[in-house]
Amino acid sequence: MTEPEWWDLEAEFWMSKAGVDLEDAKTITVMRWTANGDLRPLAAALMEKRPLDPAIRSLLADMIYEDRLKVPRRRGAPRKPELLARNYAVRLAYEKRSGNSDEAFERIAALIGRGDRVVRRAVTQWRKGDK
């Protein structure tokens, strides 16, 4: 038998002292530890494949929006995940173009609020197979 973690003992505390059921005790414990910056009980709950209580999801969303929960960045310029969707939109718009390419590049650039070089680069990458 594995030794219980501290958060498991805390859940027992909430059950015995506050009279809450096991699920509520685990929710209270995960929320308290997460709010204090320790995500281990949350990770344990996820590994157990327990559904997260809406209060935990709300806490996580609040922490993300308040910049209290961040993923450490690696060195160098951060990658921009939105570029995949933007370049895909450029590709779709370019495929449906009418008229010459220069006009299409300018029109698409105006739609996405970027310069035509960005559009040209996205189309070039797509044509080279870097979709």
C-alpha atoms as a PDB file:
ATOM      1  CA  MET A   1       0.000   0.000   0.000  1.00  0.00           C
ATOM      2  CA  THR A   2       1.329   3.416  -0.890  1.00  0.00           C
ATOM      3  CA  GLU A   3       1.708   6.073   1.726  1.00  0.00           C
ATOM      4  CA  PRO A   4      -1.043   8.717   1.590  1.00  0.00           C
ATOM      5  CA  GLU A   5      -0.127  12.172   0.394  1.00  0.00           C
ATOM      6  CA  TRP A   6      -0.662  15.202   2.609  1.00  0.00           C
ATOM      7  CA  TRP A   7      -3.640  16.291   0.557  1.00  0.00           C
ATOM      8  CA  ASP A   8      -5.306  12.928   1.130  1.00  0.00           C
ATOM      9  CA  LEU A   9      -4.965  13.468   4.867  1.00  0.00           C
ATOM     10  CA  GLU A  10      -6.347  16.964   4.507  1.00  0.00           C
ATOM     11  CA  ALA A  11      -9.402  15.566   2.705  1.00  0.00           C
ATOM     12  CA  GLU A  12      -9.894  13.201   5.646  1.00  0.00           C
ATOM     13  CA  PHE A  13      -9.692  16.215   7.951  1.00  0.00           C
ATOM     14  CA  TRP A  14     -12.492  18.003   6.057  1.00  0.00           C
ATOM     15  CA  MET A  15     -14.641  14.864   6.229  1.00  0.00           C
ATOM     16  CA  SER A  16     -14.138  14.340   9.948  1.00  0.00           C
ATOM     17  CA  LYS A  17     -14.149  17.955  11.161  1.00  0.00           C
ATOM     18  CA  ALA A  18     -16.495  19.661   8.692  1.00  0.00           C
ATOM     19  CA  GLY A  19     -18.720  16.670   7.974  1.00  0.00           C
ATOM     20  CA  VAL A  20     -18.466  16.943   4.175  1.00  0.00           C
ATOM     21  CA  ASP A  21     -18.536  13.953   1.852  1.00  0.00           C
ATOM     22  CA  LEU A  22     -15.383  12.599   0.185  1.00  0.00           C
ATOM     23  CA  GLU A  23     -15.880  14.386  -3.146  1.00  0.00           C
ATOM     24  CA  ASP A  24     -16.473  17.765  -1.502  1.00  0.00           C
ATOM     25  CA  ALA A  25     -13.494  17.208   0.786  1.00  0.00           C
ATOM     26  CA  LYS A  26     -11.265  16.479  -2.222  1.00  0.00           C
ATOM     27  CA  THR A  27     -12.625  19.553  -4.020  1.00  0.00           C
ATOM     28  CA  ILE A  28     -11.940  21.797  -1.031  1.00  0.00           C
ATOM     29  CA  THR A  29      -8.445  20.388  -0.713  1.00  0.00           C
ATOM     30  CA  VAL A  30      -7.577  20.737  -4.400  1.00  0.00           C
ATOM     31  CA  MET A  31      -8.894  24.310  -4.456  1.00  0.00           C
ATOM     32  CA  ARG A  32      -7.013  25.314  -1.311  1.00  0.00           C
ATOM     33  CA  TRP A  33      -3.701  23.882  -2.491  1.00  0.00           C
ATOM     34  CA  THR A  34      -4.129  25.246  -6.026  1.00  0.00           C
ATOM     35  CA  ALA A  35      -4.996  28.737  -4.764  1.00  0.00           C
ATOM     36  CA  ASN A  36      -1.772  28.594  -2.736  1.00  0.00           C
ATOM     37  CA  GLY A  37       0.302  27.683  -5.795  1.00  0.00           C
ATOM     38  CA  ASP A  38       0.718  23.933  -5.322  1.00  0.00           C
ATOM     39  CA  LEU A  39      -0.785  21.983  -8.208  1.00  0.00           C
ATOM     40  CA  ARG A  40       0.096  18.471  -7.012  1.00  0.00           C
ATOM     41  CA  PRO A  41      -3.382  17.639  -5.642  1.00  0.00           C
ATOM     42  CA  LEU A  42      -4.878  18.874  -8.914  1.00  0.00           C
ATOM     43  CA  ALA A  43      -2.474  16.666 -10.866  1.00  0.00           C
ATOM     44  CA  ALA A  44      -3.396  13.697  -8.647  1.00  0.00           C
ATOM     45  CA  ALA A  45      -7.109  14.321  -9.271  1.00  0.00           C
ATOM     46  CA  LEU A  46      -6.479  14.463 -13.016  1.00  0.00           C
ATOM     47  CA  MET A  47      -4.470  11.237 -12.908  1.00  0.00           C
ATOM     48  CA  GLU A  48      -7.337   9.555 -11.040  1.00  0.00           C
ATOM     49  CA  LYS A  49      -9.528  10.627 -13.980  1.00  0.00           C
ATOM     50  CA  ARG A  50     -12.010  12.215 -11.614  1.00  0.00           C
ATOM     51  CA  PRO A  51     -14.283  14.818 -13.180  1.00  0.00           C
ATOM     52  CA  LEU A  52     -13.311  18.270 -11.960  1.00  0.00           C
ATOM     53  CA  ASP A  53     -15.845  20.126  -9.894  1.00  0.00           C
ATOM     54  CA  PRO A  54     -17.050  23.338 -11.603  1.00  0.00           C
ATOM     55  CA  ALA A  55     -15.556  25.323  -8.707  1.00  0.00           C
ATOM     56  CA  ILE A  56     -12.079  23.972  -9.545  1.00  0.00           C
ATOM     57  CA  ARG A  57     -12.523  24.777 -13.247  1.00  0.00           C
ATOM     58  CA  SER A  58     -13.638  28.287 -12.311  1.00  0.00           C
ATOM     59  CA  LEU A  59     -10.646  28.750 -10.000  1.00  0.00           C
ATOM     60  CA  LEU A  60      -8.263  27.630 -12.750  1.00  0.00           C
ATOM     61  CA  ALA A  61      -9.859  29.996 -15.265  1.00  0.00           C
ATOM     62  CA  ASP A  62      -9.631  32.890 -12.794  1.00  0.00           C
ATOM     63  CA  MET A  63      -5.983  32.110 -12.095  1.00  0.00           C
ATOM     64  CA  ILE A  64      -5.190  32.037 -15.816  1.00  0.00           C
ATOM     65  CA  TYR A  65      -6.996  35.310 -16.541  1.00  0.00           C
ATOM     66  CA  GLU A  66      -5.325  36.972 -13.551  1.00  0.00           C
ATOM     67  CA  ASP A  67      -1.868  35.749 -14.706  1.00  0.00           C
ATOM     68  CA  ARG A  68      -1.420  33.688 -11.541  1.00  0.00           C
ATOM     69  CA  LEU A  69      -1.111  30.417 -13.467  1.00  0.00           C
ATOM     70  CA  LYS A  70       1.481  30.408 -16.221  1.00  0.00           C
ATOM     71  CA  VAL A  71       3.554  27.912 -18.137  1.00  0.00           C
ATOM     72  CA  PRO A  72       7.237  28.821 -17.971  1.00  0.00           C
ATOM     73  CA  ARG A  73       8.536  29.985 -21.328  1.00  0.00           C
ATOM     74  CA  ARG A  74      11.689  28.723 -22.947  1.00  0.00           C
ATOM     75  CA  ARG A  75      14.461  31.017 -24.044  1.00  0.00           C
ATOM     76  CA  GLY A  76      14.024  33.079 -27.148  1.00  0.00           C
ATOM     77  CA  ALA A  77      10.950  34.568 -28.688  1.00  0.00           C
ATOM     78  CA  PRO A  78       7.741  32.850 -27.595  1.00  0.00           C
ATOM     79  CA  ARG A  79       5.940  30.803 -30.204  1.00  0.00           C
ATOM     80  CA  LYS A  80       2.585  32.086 -31.290  1.00  0.00           C
ATOM     81  CA  PRO A  81       0.047  29.256 -31.528  1.00  0.00           C
ATOM     82  CA  GLU A  82      -2.451  31.542 -33.266  1.00  0.00           C
ATOM     83  CA  LEU A  83      -0.243  31.574 -36.387  1.00  0.00           C
ATOM     84  CA  LEU A  84      -1.472  28.136 -37.434  1.00  0.00           C
ATOM     85  CA  ALA A  85      -5.072  29.351 -37.631  1.00  0.00           C
ATOM     86  CA  ARG A  86      -4.089  32.655 -39.240  1.00  0.00           C
ATOM     87  CA  ASN A  87      -2.001  30.951 -41.924  1.00  0.00           C
ATOM     88  CA  TYR A  88      -4.783  28.449 -42.575  1.00  0.00           C
ATOM     89  CA  ALA A  89      -7.245  31.327 -43.046  1.00  0.00           C
ATOM     90  CA  VAL A  90      -4.784  32.960 -45.445  1.00  0.00           C
ATOM     91  CA  ARG A  91      -4.503  29.708 -47.381  1.00  0.00           C
ATOM     92  CA  LEU A  92      -8.274  29.341 -47.665  1.00  0.00           C
ATOM     93  CA  ALA A  93      -8.707  32.957 -48.754  1.00  0.00           C
ATOM     94  CA  TYR A  94      -5.907  32.671 -51.296  1.00  0.00           C
ATOM     95  CA  GLU A  95      -7.360  29.475 -52.788  1.00  0.00           C
ATOM     96  CA  LYS A  96     -10.661  31.306 -53.397  1.00  0.00           C
ATOM     97  CA  ARG A  97      -9.013  34.372 -54.942  1.00  0.00           C
ATOM     98  CA  SER A  98     -10.184  35.954 -58.139  1.00  0.00           C
ATOM     99  CA  GLY A  99      -7.944  38.235 -60.121  1.00  0.00           C
ATOM    100  CA  ASN A 100      -4.189  38.441 -59.920  1.00  0.00           C
ATOM    101  CA  SER A 101      -2.069  37.361 -56.982  1.00  0.00           C
ATOM    102  CA  ASP A 102      -0.851  40.825 -55.992  1.00  0.00           C
ATOM    103  CA  GLU A 103      -4.408  42.067 -55.531  1.00  0.00           C
ATOM    104  CA  ALA A 104      -5.309  38.928 -53.597  1.00  0.00           C
ATOM    105  CA  PHE A 105      -2.308  39.383 -51.287  1.00  0.00           C
ATOM    106  CA  GLU A 106      -3.270  42.984 -50.580  1.00  0.00           C
ATOM    107  CA  ARG A 107      -6.939  42.150 -50.024  1.00  0.00           C
ATOM    108  CA  ILE A 108      -6.160  39.251 -47.655  1.00  0.00           C
ATOM    109  CA  ALA A 109      -3.584  41.365 -45.797  1.00  0.00           C
ATOM    110  CA  ALA A 110      -6.208  44.055 -45.243  1.00  0.00           C
ATOM    111  CA  LEU A 111      -8.664  41.454 -43.938  1.00  0.00           C
ATOM    112  CA  ILE A 112      -6.275  40.094 -41.313  1.00  0.00           C
ATOM    113  CA  GLY A 113      -4.727  43.466 -40.480  1.00  0.00           C
ATOM    114  CA  ARG A 114      -1.197  42.535 -41.513  1.00  0.00           C
ATOM    115  CA  GLY A 115       1.145  43.451 -44.347  1.00  0.00           C
ATOM    116  CA  ASP A 116       1.092  41.644 -47.658  1.00  0.00           C
ATOM    117  CA  ARG A 117       4.545  40.168 -46.872  1.00  0.00           C
ATOM    118  CA  VAL A 118       2.958  38.131 -44.077  1.00  0.00           C
ATOM    119  CA  VAL A 119       0.381  36.784 -46.533  1.00  0.00           C
ATOM    120  CA  ARG A 120       3.009  36.039 -49.169  1.00  0.00           C
ATOM    121  CA  ARG A 121       5.144  34.180 -46.601  1.00  0.00           C
ATOM    122  CA  ALA A 122       2.168  32.102 -45.441  1.00  0.00           C
ATOM    123  CA  VAL A 123       1.239  31.177 -49.011  1.00  0.00           C
ATOM    124  CA  THR A 124       4.873  30.330 -49.829  1.00  0.00           C
ATOM    125  CA  GLN A 125       5.125  28.034 -46.786  1.00  0.00           C
ATOM    126  CA  TRP A 126       1.879  26.337 -47.754  1.00  0.00           C
ATOM    127  CA  ARG A 127       3.078  25.763 -51.318  1.00  0.00           C
ATOM    128  CA  LYS A 128       6.354  24.292 -50.043  1.00  0.00           C
ATOM    129  CA  GLY A 129       4.406  21.767 -48.009  1.00  0.00           C
ATOM    130  CA  ASP A 130       4.811  23.377 -44.572  1.00  0.00           C
ATOM    131  CA  LYS A 131       1.097  23.385 -43.956  1.00  0.00           C
END
